[in-house]
């Protein structure tokens, strides 16, 4: 099964929420330290996976936003 970039983003988000929860609930230093290290590694891995993802679109900057089309007028 191929994992998409969104899956890596979700896993990293869950790990970092786990870090926040462990630090807010005064867990032992070992748990907080290891969740922070694993979270930092997950961030680096997530950024790498997002950057090498083979996502392709036909949209350009000329298309702007799909929900707010821009008129092709000269605003001088």
PDB file of N, CA and C in Angstrom:
ATOM      1  N   UNK A   1       0.842  -1.177   0.000  1.00  0.00           N
ATOM      2  CA  UNK A   1       0.000   0.000   0.000  1.00  0.00           C
ATOM      3  C   UNK A   1       0.893   1.249   0.000  1.00  0.00           C
ATOM      4  N   UNK A   2       0.627   2.133  -0.935  1.00  0.00           N
ATOM      5  CA  UNK A   2       1.406   3.354  -1.020  1.00  0.00           C
ATOM      6  C   UNK A   2       0.778   4.417  -0.117  1.00  0.00           C
ATOM      7  N   UNK A   3       1.586   5.002   0.736  1.00  0.00           N
ATOM      8  CA  UNK A   3       1.114   6.057   1.613  1.00  0.00           C
ATOM      9  C   UNK A   3       1.282   7.394   0.908  1.00  0.00           C
ATOM     10  N   UNK A   4       0.255   8.221   0.961  1.00  0.00           N
ATOM     11  CA  UNK A   4       0.323   9.530   0.329  1.00  0.00           C
ATOM     12  C   UNK A   4       0.966  10.536   1.274  1.00  0.00           C
ATOM     13  N   UNK A   5       1.227  11.717   0.766  1.00  0.00           N
ATOM     14  CA  UNK A   5       1.807  12.775   1.587  1.00  0.00           C
ATOM     15  C   UNK A   5       0.852  13.170   2.704  1.00  0.00           C
ATOM     16  N   UNK A   6      -0.453  13.090   2.440  1.00  0.00           N
ATOM     17  CA  UNK A   6      -1.437  13.435   3.466  1.00  0.00           C
ATOM     18  C   UNK A   6      -1.375  12.473   4.647  1.00  0.00           C
ATOM     19  N   UNK A   7      -1.044  11.228   4.397  1.00  0.00           N
ATOM     20  CA  UNK A   7      -0.911  10.254   5.471  1.00  0.00           C
ATOM     21  C   UNK A   7       0.255  10.624   6.375  1.00  0.00           C
ATOM     22  N   UNK A   8       1.374  11.011   5.792  1.00  0.00           N
ATOM     23  CA  UNK A   8       2.527  11.417   6.588  1.00  0.00           C
ATOM     24  C   UNK A   8       2.232  12.688   7.387  1.00  0.00           C
ATOM     25  N   UNK A   9       1.471  13.598   6.808  1.00  0.00           N
ATOM     26  CA  UNK A   9       1.086  14.806   7.530  1.00  0.00           C
ATOM     27  C   UNK A   9       0.208  14.439   8.725  1.00  0.00           C
ATOM     28  N   UNK A  10      -0.722  13.522   8.527  1.00  0.00           N
ATOM     29  CA  UNK A  10      -1.596  13.091   9.621  1.00  0.00           C
ATOM     30  C   UNK A  10      -0.838  12.394  10.728  1.00  0.00           C
ATOM     31  N   UNK A  11       0.087  11.513  10.378  1.00  0.00           N
ATOM     32  CA  UNK A  11       0.878  10.796  11.383  1.00  0.00           C
ATOM     33  C   UNK A  11       1.732  11.773  12.185  1.00  0.00           C
ATOM     34  N   UNK A  12       2.350  12.731  11.506  1.00  0.00           N
ATOM     35  CA  UNK A  12       3.168  13.722  12.195  1.00  0.00           C
ATOM     36  C   UNK A  12       2.323  14.587  13.116  1.00  0.00           C
ATOM     37  N   UNK A  13       1.138  14.960  12.681  1.00  0.00           N
ATOM     38  CA  UNK A  13       0.249  15.752  13.513  1.00  0.00           C
ATOM     39  C   UNK A  13      -0.141  14.994  14.775  1.00  0.00           C
ATOM     40  N   UNK A  14      -0.470  13.722  14.635  1.00  0.00           N
ATOM     41  CA  UNK A  14      -0.835  12.911  15.804  1.00  0.00           C
ATOM     42  C   UNK A  14       0.346  12.798  16.763  1.00  0.00           C
ATOM     43  N   UNK A  15       1.552  12.592  16.240  1.00  0.00           N
ATOM     44  CA  UNK A  15       2.733  12.504  17.100  1.00  0.00           C
ATOM     45  C   UNK A  15       2.989  13.802  17.856  1.00  0.00           C
ATOM     46  N   UNK A  16       2.804  14.922  17.196  1.00  0.00           N
ATOM     47  CA  UNK A  16       3.048  16.194  17.871  1.00  0.00           C
ATOM     48  C   UNK A  16       1.944  16.521  18.876  1.00  0.00           C
ATOM     49  N   UNK A  17       0.702  16.104  18.600  1.00  0.00           N
ATOM     50  CA  UNK A  17      -0.360  16.251  19.607  1.00  0.00           C
ATOM     51  C   UNK A  17      -0.064  15.360  20.812  1.00  0.00           C
ATOM     52  N   UNK A  18       0.478  14.178  20.571  1.00  0.00           N
ATOM     53  CA  UNK A  18       0.871  13.288  21.660  1.00  0.00           C
ATOM     54  C   UNK A  18       1.952  13.951  22.509  1.00  0.00           C
ATOM     55  N   UNK A  19       2.882  14.631  21.870  1.00  0.00           N
ATOM     56  CA  UNK A  19       3.908  15.371  22.613  1.00  0.00           C
ATOM     57  C   UNK A  19       3.295  16.455  23.479  1.00  0.00           C
ATOM     58  N   UNK A  20       2.359  17.206  22.933  1.00  0.00           N
ATOM     59  CA  UNK A  20       1.707  18.278  23.694  1.00  0.00           C
ATOM     60  C   UNK A  20       0.945  17.702  24.882  1.00  0.00           C
ATOM     61  N   UNK A  21       0.247  16.606  24.662  1.00  0.00           N
ATOM     62  CA  UNK A  21      -0.528  15.991  25.743  1.00  0.00           C
ATOM     63  C   UNK A  21       0.390  15.467  26.838  1.00  0.00           C
ATOM     64  N   UNK A  22       1.488  14.800  26.455  1.00  0.00           N
ATOM     65  CA  UNK A  22       2.397  14.277  27.474  1.00  0.00           C
ATOM     66  C   UNK A  22       3.057  15.392  28.268  1.00  0.00           C
ATOM     67  N   UNK A  23       3.368  16.496  27.634  1.00  0.00           N
ATOM     68  CA  UNK A  23       3.992  17.593  28.373  1.00  0.00           C
ATOM     69  C   UNK A  23       2.983  18.344  29.229  1.00  0.00           C
ATOM     70  N   UNK A  24       1.731  18.435  28.793  1.00  0.00           N
ATOM     71  CA  UNK A  24       0.714  19.138  29.572  1.00  0.00           C
ATOM     72  C   UNK A  24       0.269  18.330  30.784  1.00  0.00           C
ATOM     73  N   UNK A  25       0.349  17.005  30.705  1.00  0.00           N
ATOM     74  CA  UNK A  25      -0.114  16.162  31.803  1.00  0.00           C
ATOM     75  C   UNK A  25       1.021  15.739  32.733  1.00  0.00           C
ATOM     76  N   UNK A  26       2.165  16.394  32.614  1.00  0.00           N
ATOM     77  CA  UNK A  26       3.317  16.150  33.488  1.00  0.00           C
ATOM     78  C   UNK A  26       3.743  14.686  33.515  1.00  0.00           C
ATOM     79  N   UNK A  27       3.867  14.090  32.346  1.00  0.00           N
ATOM     80  CA  UNK A  27       4.420  12.745  32.256  1.00  0.00           C
ATOM     81  C   UNK A  27       5.897  12.818  32.631  1.00  0.00           C
ATOM     82  N   UNK A  28       6.510  11.679  32.759  1.00  0.00           N
ATOM     83  CA  UNK A  28       7.933  11.671  33.114  1.00  0.00           C
ATOM     84  C   UNK A  28       8.747  12.269  31.968  1.00  0.00           C
ATOM     85  N   UNK A  29       9.936  12.732  32.336  1.00  0.00           N
ATOM     86  CA  UNK A  29      10.785  13.387  31.353  1.00  0.00           C
ATOM     87  C   UNK A  29      11.117  12.467  30.188  1.00  0.00           C
ATOM     88  N   UNK A  30      11.272  11.186  30.437  1.00  0.00           N
ATOM     89  CA  UNK A  30      11.605  10.230  29.378  1.00  0.00           C
ATOM     90  C   UNK A  30      10.544  10.194  28.284  1.00  0.00           C
ATOM     91  N   UNK A  31       9.278  10.132  28.674  1.00  0.00           N
ATOM     92  CA  UNK A  31       8.194  10.118  27.678  1.00  0.00           C
ATOM     93  C   UNK A  31       8.165  11.409  26.870  1.00  0.00           C
ATOM     94  N   UNK A  32       8.315  12.534  27.549  1.00  0.00           N
ATOM     95  CA  UNK A  32       8.286  13.824  26.851  1.00  0.00           C
ATOM     96  C   UNK A  32       9.479  13.942  25.906  1.00  0.00           C
ATOM     97  N   UNK A  33      10.652  13.531  26.365  1.00  0.00           N
ATOM     98  CA  UNK A  33      11.855  13.610  25.540  1.00  0.00           C
ATOM     99  C   UNK A  33      11.729  12.740  24.297  1.00  0.00           C
ATOM    100  N   UNK A  34      11.294  11.493  24.471  1.00  0.00           N
ATOM    101  CA  UNK A  34      11.212  10.588  23.327  1.00  0.00           C
ATOM    102  C   UNK A  34      10.101  10.983  22.350  1.00  0.00           C
ATOM    103  N   UNK A  35       8.979  11.506  22.847  1.00  0.00           N
ATOM    104  CA  UNK A  35       7.945  11.963  21.901  1.00  0.00           C
ATOM    105  C   UNK A  35       8.416  13.198  21.135  1.00  0.00           C
ATOM    106  N   UNK A  36       9.218  14.053  21.772  1.00  0.00           N
ATOM    107  CA  UNK A  36       9.725  15.222  21.046  1.00  0.00           C
ATOM    108  C   UNK A  36      10.744  14.800  19.983  1.00  0.00           C
ATOM    109  N   UNK A  37      11.602  13.849  20.298  1.00  0.00           N
ATOM    110  CA  UNK A  37      12.596  13.372  19.323  1.00  0.00           C
ATOM    111  C   UNK A  37      11.898  12.680  18.150  1.00  0.00           C
ATOM    112  N   UNK A  38      10.946  11.809  18.454  1.00  0.00           N
ATOM    113  CA  UNK A  38      10.207  11.114  17.389  1.00  0.00           C
ATOM    114  C   UNK A  38       9.424  12.112  16.548  1.00  0.00           C
ATOM    115  N   UNK A  39       8.848  13.140  17.187  1.00  0.00           N
ATOM    116  CA  UNK A  39       8.119  14.178  16.450  1.00  0.00           C
ATOM    117  C   UNK A  39       9.018  14.968  15.526  1.00  0.00           C
ATOM    118  N   UNK A  40      10.224  15.292  15.983  1.00  0.00           N
ATOM    119  CA  UNK A  40      11.155  16.035  15.141  1.00  0.00           C
ATOM    120  C   UNK A  40      11.623  15.204  13.951  1.00  0.00           C
ATOM    121  N   UNK A  41      11.868  13.928  14.178  1.00  0.00           N
ATOM    122  CA  UNK A  41      12.238  13.040  13.072  1.00  0.00           C
ATOM    123  C   UNK A  41      11.081  12.919  12.086  1.00  0.00           C
ATOM    124  N   UNK A  42       9.857  12.832  12.619  1.00  0.00           N
ATOM    125  CA  UNK A  42       8.681  12.726  11.751  1.00  0.00           C
ATOM    126  C   UNK A  42       8.488  13.982  10.916  1.00  0.00           C
ATOM    127  N   UNK A  43       8.799  15.150  11.469  1.00  0.00           N
ATOM    128  CA  UNK A  43       8.673  16.400  10.704  1.00  0.00           C
ATOM    129  C   UNK A  43       9.654  16.400   9.534  1.00  0.00           C
ATOM    130  N   UNK A  44      10.893  16.020   9.792  1.00  0.00           N
ATOM    131  CA  UNK A  44      11.889  15.981   8.715  1.00  0.00           C
ATOM    132  C   UNK A  44      11.477  14.980   7.638  1.00  0.00           C
ATOM    133  N   UNK A  45      11.032  13.794   8.059  1.00  0.00           N
ATOM    134  CA  UNK A  45      10.592  12.770   7.112  1.00  0.00           C
ATOM    135  C   UNK A  45       9.359  13.237   6.325  1.00  0.00           C
ATOM    136  N   UNK A  46       8.413  13.911   7.009  1.00  0.00           N
ATOM    137  CA  UNK A  46       7.212  14.406   6.342  1.00  0.00           C
ATOM    138  C   UNK A  46       7.570  15.448   5.280  1.00  0.00           C
ATOM    139  N   UNK A  47       8.451  16.376   5.616  1.00  0.00           N
ATOM    140  CA  UNK A  47       8.856  17.405   4.651  1.00  0.00           C
ATOM    141  C   UNK A  47       9.522  16.766   3.444  1.00  0.00           C
ATOM    142  N   UNK A  48      10.369  15.787   3.683  1.00  0.00           N
ATOM    143  CA  UNK A  48      11.023  15.077   2.589  1.00  0.00           C
ATOM    144  C   UNK A  48       9.995  14.394   1.687  1.00  0.00           C
ATOM    145  N   UNK A  49       9.028  13.700   2.282  1.00  0.00           N
ATOM    146  CA  UNK A  49       8.020  12.988   1.494  1.00  0.00           C
ATOM    147  C   UNK A  49       7.114  13.955   0.722  1.00  0.00           C
ATOM    148  N   UNK A  50       6.780  15.090   1.326  1.00  0.00           N
ATOM    149  CA  UNK A  50       5.937  16.071   0.636  1.00  0.00           C
ATOM    150  C   UNK A  50       6.693  16.674  -0.540  1.00  0.00           C
ATOM    151  N   UNK A  51       7.979  16.931  -0.375  1.00  0.00           N
ATOM    152  CA  UNK A  51       8.746  17.553  -1.447  1.00  0.00           C
ATOM    153  C   UNK A  51       9.015  16.611  -2.613  1.00  0.00           C
ATOM    154  N   UNK A  52       9.133  15.315  -2.364  1.00  0.00           N
ATOM    155  CA  UNK A  52       9.389  14.390  -3.472  1.00  0.00           C
ATOM    156  C   UNK A  52       8.110  13.764  -4.016  1.00  0.00           C
ATOM    157  N   UNK A  53       6.953  14.157  -3.485  1.00  0.00           N
ATOM    158  CA  UNK A  53       5.687  13.606  -3.960  1.00  0.00           C
ATOM    159  C   UNK A  53       5.473  13.976  -5.429  1.00  0.00           C
ATOM    160  N   UNK A  54       5.012  13.040  -6.214  1.00  0.00           N
ATOM    161  CA  UNK A  54       4.821  13.263  -7.654  1.00  0.00           C
ATOM    162  C   UNK A  54       3.419  13.794  -7.947  1.00  0.00           C
ATOM    163  N   UNK A  55       3.037  14.857  -7.270  1.00  0.00           N
ATOM    164  CA  UNK A  55       1.742  15.487  -7.486  1.00  0.00           C
ATOM    165  C   UNK A  55       1.845  16.413  -8.686  1.00  0.00           C
ATOM    166  N   UNK A  56       0.867  16.318  -9.578  1.00  0.00           N
ATOM    167  CA  UNK A  56       0.882  17.142 -10.779  1.00  0.00           C
ATOM    168  C   UNK A  56      -0.499  17.762 -10.963  1.00  0.00           C
ATOM    169  N   UNK A  57      -0.517  19.006 -11.351  1.00  0.00           N
ATOM    170  CA  UNK A  57      -1.771  19.693 -11.615  1.00  0.00           C
ATOM    171  C   UNK A  57      -1.634  20.499 -12.899  1.00  0.00           C
ATOM    172  N   UNK A  58      -2.769  20.771 -13.507  1.00  0.00           N
ATOM    173  CA  UNK A  58      -2.779  21.594 -14.718  1.00  0.00           C
ATOM    174  C   UNK A  58      -3.026  23.060 -14.404  1.00  0.00           C
ATOM    175  N   UNK A  59      -3.225  23.377 -13.141  1.00  0.00           N
ATOM    176  CA  UNK A  59      -3.483  24.753 -12.733  1.00  0.00           C
ATOM    177  C   UNK A  59      -2.191  25.558 -12.784  1.00  0.00           C
ATOM    178  N   UNK A  60      -2.329  26.833 -13.104  1.00  0.00           N
ATOM    179  CA  UNK A  60      -1.200  27.750 -13.100  1.00  0.00           C
ATOM    180  C   UNK A  60      -1.564  28.943 -12.238  1.00  0.00           C
ATOM    181  N   UNK A  61      -0.619  29.862 -12.084  1.00  0.00           N
ATOM    182  CA  UNK A  61      -0.924  31.061 -11.313  1.00  0.00           C
ATOM    183  C   UNK A  61      -1.964  31.927 -12.030  1.00  0.00           C
ATOM    184  N   UNK A  62      -2.078  31.753 -13.304  1.00  0.00           N
ATOM    185  CA  UNK A  62      -3.077  32.504 -14.055  1.00  0.00           C
ATOM    186  C   UNK A  62      -4.488  32.059 -13.688  1.00  0.00           C
ATOM    187  N   UNK A  63      -4.663  30.812 -13.252  1.00  0.00           N
ATOM    188  CA  UNK A  63      -5.973  30.312 -12.820  1.00  0.00           C
ATOM    189  C   UNK A  63      -6.399  30.896 -11.482  1.00  0.00           C
ATOM    190  N   UNK A  64      -5.477  31.362 -10.684  1.00  0.00           N
ATOM    191  CA  UNK A  64      -5.702  31.956  -9.370  1.00  0.00           C
ATOM    192  C   UNK A  64      -6.510  31.003  -8.498  1.00  0.00           C
ATOM    193  N   UNK A  65      -7.504  31.476  -7.810  1.00  0.00           N
ATOM    194  CA  UNK A  65      -8.324  30.627  -6.947  1.00  0.00           C
ATOM    195  C   UNK A  65      -9.539  30.136  -7.705  1.00  0.00           C
ATOM    196  N   UNK A  66      -9.917  28.883  -7.473  1.00  0.00           N
ATOM    197  CA  UNK A  66     -11.080  28.345  -8.163  1.00  0.00           C
ATOM    198  C   UNK A  66     -12.383  28.921  -7.615  1.00  0.00           C
ATOM    199  N   UNK A  67     -12.420  29.256  -6.333  1.00  0.00           N
ATOM    200  CA  UNK A  67     -13.654  29.752  -5.742  1.00  0.00           C
ATOM    201  C   UNK A  67     -13.833  31.251  -5.938  1.00  0.00           C
ATOM    202  N   UNK A  68     -12.811  31.943  -6.415  1.00  0.00           N
ATOM    203  CA  UNK A  68     -12.906  33.383  -6.646  1.00  0.00           C
ATOM    204  C   UNK A  68     -12.189  33.715  -7.951  1.00  0.00           C
ATOM    205  N   UNK A  69     -12.856  33.512  -9.073  1.00  0.00           N
ATOM    206  CA  UNK A  69     -12.179  33.757 -10.349  1.00  0.00           C
ATOM    207  C   UNK A  69     -11.799  35.237 -10.515  1.00  0.00           C
ATOM    208  N   UNK A  70     -10.678  35.453 -11.140  1.00  0.00           N
ATOM    209  CA  UNK A  70     -10.183  36.802 -11.368  1.00  0.00           C
ATOM    210  C   UNK A  70     -10.499  37.189 -12.800  1.00  0.00           C
ATOM    211  N   UNK A  71     -11.018  38.404 -12.947  1.00  0.00           N
ATOM    212  CA  UNK A  71     -11.307  38.886 -14.302  1.00  0.00           C
ATOM    213  C   UNK A  71     -10.019  39.281 -14.987  1.00  0.00           C
ATOM    214  N   UNK A  72      -9.989  39.135 -16.265  1.00  0.00           N
ATOM    215  CA  UNK A  72      -8.799  39.445 -17.048  1.00  0.00           C
ATOM    216  C   UNK A  72      -8.837  40.892 -17.519  1.00  0.00           C
ATOM    217  N   UNK A  73      -8.932  41.831 -16.590  1.00  0.00           N
ATOM    218  CA  UNK A  73      -8.970  43.239 -16.935  1.00  0.00           C
ATOM    219  C   UNK A  73      -7.679  43.917 -16.527  1.00  0.00           C
ATOM    220  N   UNK A  74      -7.400  44.992 -17.151  1.00  0.00           N
ATOM    221  CA  UNK A  74      -6.253  45.788 -16.791  1.00  0.00           C
ATOM    222  C   UNK A  74      -6.721  46.795 -15.750  1.00  0.00           C
ATOM    223  N   UNK A  75      -6.123  46.771 -14.559  1.00  0.00           N
ATOM    224  CA  UNK A  75      -6.594  47.621 -13.466  1.00  0.00           C
ATOM    225  C   UNK A  75      -5.793  48.913 -13.340  1.00  0.00           C
ATOM    226  N   UNK A  76      -5.504  49.575 -14.421  1.00  0.00           N
ATOM    227  CA  UNK A  76      -4.757  50.826 -14.361  1.00  0.00           C
ATOM    228  C   UNK A  76      -5.644  51.996 -14.208  1.00  0.00           C
TER     229      UNK A  76
END
